[in-house]
PDB file of N, CA and C in Angstrom:
ATOM      1  N   MET A   1     -24.093  21.652   2.476  1.00  0.00           N
ATOM      2  CA  MET A   1     -23.931  21.387   1.058  1.00  0.00           C
ATOM      3  C   MET A   1     -22.461  21.211   0.694  1.00  0.00           C
ATOM      4  N   SER A   2     -21.599  22.041   1.276  1.00  0.00           N
ATOM      5  CA  SER A   2     -20.181  21.916   0.942  1.00  0.00           C
ATOM      6  C   SER A   2     -19.595  20.628   1.514  1.00  0.00           C
ATOM      7  N   MET A   3     -20.172  20.136   2.613  1.00  0.00           N
ATOM      8  CA  MET A   3     -19.697  18.876   3.182  1.00  0.00           C
ATOM      9  C   MET A   3     -20.002  17.721   2.238  1.00  0.00           C
ATOM     10  N   ILE A   4     -21.166  17.754   1.611  1.00  0.00           N
ATOM     11  CA  ILE A   4     -21.541  16.708   0.649  1.00  0.00           C
ATOM     12  C   ILE A   4     -20.602  16.755  -0.547  1.00  0.00           C
ATOM     13  N   ARG A   5     -20.316  17.944  -1.041  1.00  0.00           N
ATOM     14  CA  ARG A   5     -19.386  18.087  -2.169  1.00  0.00           C
ATOM     15  C   ARG A   5     -18.007  17.561  -1.804  1.00  0.00           C
ATOM     16  N   SER A   6     -17.577  17.870  -0.608  1.00  0.00           N
ATOM     17  CA  SER A   6     -16.271  17.410  -0.149  1.00  0.00           C
ATOM     18  C   SER A   6     -16.220  15.888  -0.092  1.00  0.00           C
ATOM     19  N   ILE A   7     -17.262  15.278   0.422  1.00  0.00           N
ATOM     20  CA  ILE A   7     -17.322  13.816   0.505  1.00  0.00           C
ATOM     21  C   ILE A   7     -17.334  13.209  -0.893  1.00  0.00           C
ATOM     22  N   LEU A   8     -18.107  13.793  -1.799  1.00  0.00           N
ATOM     23  CA  LEU A   8     -18.165  13.284  -3.169  1.00  0.00           C
ATOM     24  C   LEU A   8     -16.816  13.417  -3.868  1.00  0.00           C
ATOM     25  N   LYS A   9     -16.148  14.541  -3.687  1.00  0.00           N
ATOM     26  CA  LYS A   9     -14.836  14.734  -4.305  1.00  0.00           C
ATOM     27  C   LYS A   9     -13.835  13.715  -3.776  1.00  0.00           C
ATOM     28  N   THR A  10     -13.897  13.446  -2.489  1.00  0.00           N
ATOM     29  CA  THR A  10     -13.000  12.458  -1.891  1.00  0.00           C
ATOM     30  C   THR A  10     -13.271  11.073  -2.452  1.00  0.00           C
ATOM     31  N   ALA A  11     -14.549  10.723  -2.592  1.00  0.00           N
ATOM     32  CA  ALA A  11     -14.912   9.408  -3.127  1.00  0.00           C
ATOM     33  C   ALA A  11     -14.466   9.265  -4.575  1.00  0.00           C
ATOM     34  N   VAL A  12     -14.647  10.301  -5.364  1.00  0.00           N
ATOM     35  CA  VAL A  12     -14.235  10.264  -6.768  1.00  0.00           C
ATOM     36  C   VAL A  12     -12.715  10.145  -6.866  1.00  0.00           C
ATOM     37  N   ALA A  13     -12.004  10.887  -6.054  1.00  0.00           N
ATOM     38  CA  ALA A  13     -10.542  10.817  -6.067  1.00  0.00           C
ATOM     39  C   ALA A  13     -10.056   9.426  -5.668  1.00  0.00           C
ATOM     40  N   ALA A  14     -10.698   8.819  -4.689  1.00  0.00           N
ATOM     41  CA  ALA A  14     -10.311   7.471  -4.262  1.00  0.00           C
ATOM     42  C   ALA A  14     -10.550   6.466  -5.378  1.00  0.00           C
ATOM     43  N   LYS A  15     -11.656   6.623  -6.096  1.00  0.00           N
ATOM     44  CA  LYS A  15     -11.962   5.711  -7.202  1.00  0.00           C
ATOM     45  C   LYS A  15     -10.947   5.886  -8.329  1.00  0.00           C
ATOM     46  N   VAL A  16     -10.557   7.101  -8.623  1.00  0.00           N
ATOM     47  CA  VAL A  16      -9.560   7.367  -9.664  1.00  0.00           C
ATOM     48  C   VAL A  16      -8.233   6.711  -9.300  1.00  0.00           C
ATOM     49  N   VAL A  17      -7.830   6.827  -8.054  1.00  0.00           N
ATOM     50  CA  VAL A  17      -6.583   6.201  -7.606  1.00  0.00           C
ATOM     51  C   VAL A  17      -6.682   4.690  -7.733  1.00  0.00           C
ATOM     52  N   GLN A  18      -7.829   4.133  -7.378  1.00  0.00           N
ATOM     53  CA  GLN A  18      -8.032   2.687  -7.464  1.00  0.00           C
ATOM     54  C   GLN A  18      -7.933   2.209  -8.913  1.00  0.00           C
ATOM     55  N   ILE A  19      -8.583   2.902  -9.823  1.00  0.00           N
ATOM     56  CA  ILE A  19      -8.554   2.527 -11.240  1.00  0.00           C
ATOM     57  C   ILE A  19      -7.144   2.691 -11.802  1.00  0.00           C
ATOM     58  N   ALA A  20      -6.476   3.779 -11.452  1.00  0.00           N
ATOM     59  CA  ALA A  20      -5.122   4.017 -11.955  1.00  0.00           C
ATOM     60  C   ALA A  20      -4.163   2.936 -11.478  1.00  0.00           C
ATOM     61  N   SER A  21      -4.265   2.545 -10.224  1.00  0.00           N
ATOM     62  CA  SER A  21      -3.350   1.514  -9.729  1.00  0.00           C
ATOM     63  C   SER A  21      -3.637   0.174 -10.382  1.00  0.00           C
ATOM     64  N   ARG A  22      -4.904  -0.106 -10.657  1.00  0.00           N
ATOM     65  CA  ARG A  22      -5.256  -1.355 -11.339  1.00  0.00           C
ATOM     66  C   ARG A  22      -4.701  -1.363 -12.760  1.00  0.00           C
ATOM     67  N   GLU A  23      -4.822  -0.249 -13.456  1.00  0.00           N
ATOM     68  CA  GLU A  23      -4.330  -0.174 -14.832  1.00  0.00           C
ATOM     69  C   GLU A  23      -2.803  -0.211 -14.884  1.00  0.00           C
ATOM     70  N   LEU A  24      -2.147   0.421 -13.917  1.00  0.00           N
ATOM     71  CA  LEU A  24      -0.684   0.440 -13.917  1.00  0.00           C
ATOM     72  C   LEU A  24      -0.084  -0.902 -13.533  1.00  0.00           C
ATOM     73  N   SER A  25      -0.883  -1.775 -12.944  1.00  0.00           N
ATOM     74  CA  SER A  25      -0.353  -3.094 -12.589  1.00  0.00           C
ATOM     75  C   SER A  25      -0.328  -4.034 -13.786  1.00  0.00           C
ATOM     76  N   LYS A  26      -0.973  -3.647 -14.869  1.00  0.00           N
ATOM     77  CA  LYS A  26      -0.994  -4.485 -16.073  1.00  0.00           C
ATOM     78  C   LYS A  26       0.319  -4.315 -16.837  1.00  0.00           C
ATOM     79  N   PRO A  27       0.942  -5.430 -17.237  1.00  0.00           N
ATOM     80  CA  PRO A  27       2.254  -5.352 -17.910  1.00  0.00           C
ATOM     81  C   PRO A  27       2.243  -4.539 -19.203  1.00  0.00           C
ATOM     82  N   GLU A  28       1.193  -4.647 -20.001  1.00  0.00           N
ATOM     83  CA  GLU A  28       1.179  -3.905 -21.269  1.00  0.00           C
ATOM     84  C   GLU A  28       1.122  -2.402 -21.023  1.00  0.00           C
ATOM     85  N   ASN A  29       0.434  -1.989 -19.964  1.00  0.00           N
ATOM     86  CA  ASN A  29       0.386  -0.562 -19.648  1.00  0.00           C
ATOM     87  C   ASN A  29       1.715  -0.076 -19.076  1.00  0.00           C
ATOM     88  N   GLN A  30       2.406  -0.931 -18.325  1.00  0.00           N
ATOM     89  CA  GLN A  30       3.728  -0.568 -17.824  1.00  0.00           C
ATOM     90  C   GLN A  30       4.692  -0.370 -18.988  1.00  0.00           C
ATOM     91  N   ARG A  31       4.602  -1.235 -19.995  1.00  0.00           N
ATOM     92  CA  ARG A  31       5.470  -1.125 -21.166  1.00  0.00           C
ATOM     93  C   ARG A  31       5.193   0.177 -21.909  1.00  0.00           C
ATOM     94  N   LYS A  32       3.908   0.484 -22.116  1.00  0.00           N
ATOM     95  CA  LYS A  32       3.547   1.722 -22.815  1.00  0.00           C
ATOM     96  C   LYS A  32       4.043   2.950 -22.049  1.00  0.00           C
ATOM     97  N   LEU A  33       3.933   2.907 -20.732  1.00  0.00           N
ATOM     98  CA  LEU A  33       4.374   4.029 -19.914  1.00  0.00           C
ATOM     99  C   LEU A  33       5.886   4.219 -20.018  1.00  0.00           C
ATOM    100  N   LYS A  34       6.628   3.130 -19.959  1.00  0.00           N
ATOM    101  CA  LYS A  34       8.089   3.212 -20.083  1.00  0.00           C
ATOM    102  C   LYS A  34       8.488   3.756 -21.446  1.00  0.00           C
ATOM    103  N   GLU A  35       7.812   3.291 -22.508  1.00  0.00           N
ATOM    104  CA  GLU A  35       8.121   3.787 -23.850  1.00  0.00           C
ATOM    105  C   GLU A  35       7.820   5.272 -23.962  1.00  0.00           C
ATOM    106  N   GLY A  36       6.699   5.691 -23.413  1.00  0.00           N
ATOM    107  CA  GLY A  36       6.331   7.102 -23.461  1.00  0.00           C
ATOM    108  C   GLY A  36       7.305   7.977 -22.702  1.00  0.00           C
ATOM    109  N   LEU A  37       7.729   7.512 -21.531  1.00  0.00           N
ATOM    110  CA  LEU A  37       8.685   8.291 -20.742  1.00  0.00           C
ATOM    111  C   LEU A  37      10.041   8.374 -21.423  1.00  0.00           C
ATOM    112  N   SER A  38      10.466   7.285 -22.054  1.00  0.00           N
ATOM    113  CA  SER A  38      11.755   7.337 -22.752  1.00  0.00           C
ATOM    114  C   SER A  38      11.674   8.275 -23.951  1.00  0.00           C
ATOM    115  N   LYS A  39      10.540   8.293 -24.624  1.00  0.00           N
ATOM    116  CA  LYS A  39      10.356   9.200 -25.758  1.00  0.00           C
ATOM    117  C   LYS A  39      10.414  10.657 -25.285  1.00  0.00           C
ATOM    118  N   LEU A  40       9.751  10.944 -24.164  1.00  0.00           N
ATOM    119  CA  LEU A  40       9.774  12.303 -23.630  1.00  0.00           C
ATOM    120  C   LEU A  40      11.179  12.715 -23.197  1.00  0.00           C
ATOM    121  N   SER A  41      11.904  11.793 -22.581  1.00  0.00           N
ATOM    122  CA  SER A  41      13.252  12.146 -22.132  1.00  0.00           C
ATOM    123  C   SER A  41      14.182  12.378 -23.319  1.00  0.00           C
ATOM    124  N   LYS A  42      13.993  11.634 -24.400  1.00  0.00           N
ATOM    125  CA  LYS A  42      14.801  11.859 -25.601  1.00  0.00           C
ATOM    126  C   LYS A  42      14.518  13.237 -26.185  1.00  0.00           C
ATOM    127  N   GLN A  43      13.246  13.621 -26.208  1.00  0.00           N
ATOM    128  CA  GLN A  43      12.885  14.937 -26.734  1.00  0.00           C
ATOM    129  C   GLN A  43      13.452  16.042 -25.849  1.00  0.00           C
ATOM    130  N   ALA A  44      13.445  15.832 -24.552  1.00  0.00           N
ATOM    131  CA  ALA A  44      13.959  16.845 -23.630  1.00  0.00           C
ATOM    132  C   ALA A  44      15.466  16.999 -23.788  1.00  0.00           C
ATOM    133  N   ARG A  45      16.161  15.915 -24.056  1.00  0.00           N
ATOM    134  CA  ARG A  45      17.618  15.982 -24.231  1.00  0.00           C
ATOM    135  C   ARG A  45      17.997  16.738 -25.492  1.00  0.00           C
ATOM    136  N   ARG A  46      17.156  16.659 -26.517  1.00  0.00           N
ATOM    137  CA  ARG A  46      17.453  17.337 -27.790  1.00  0.00           C
ATOM    138  C   ARG A  46      17.408  18.844 -27.649  1.00  0.00           C
ATOM    139  N   ARG A  47      16.648  19.354 -26.704  1.00  0.00           N
ATOM    140  CA  ARG A  47      16.474  20.808 -26.568  1.00  0.00           C
ATOM    141  C   ARG A  47      17.610  21.421 -25.911  1.00  0.00           C
TER     142      ARG A  47
END
């Protein structure tokens, strides 16, 4: 039973990585990510 769970967890993790890489390759998502990171770094500098 634990082997089946392990296989399922691995498959789900692989699918998540696949979807994330597909979404990150889109230019609009790259722009949003850069804007979000710059916003976070500005907030961190203020502290």
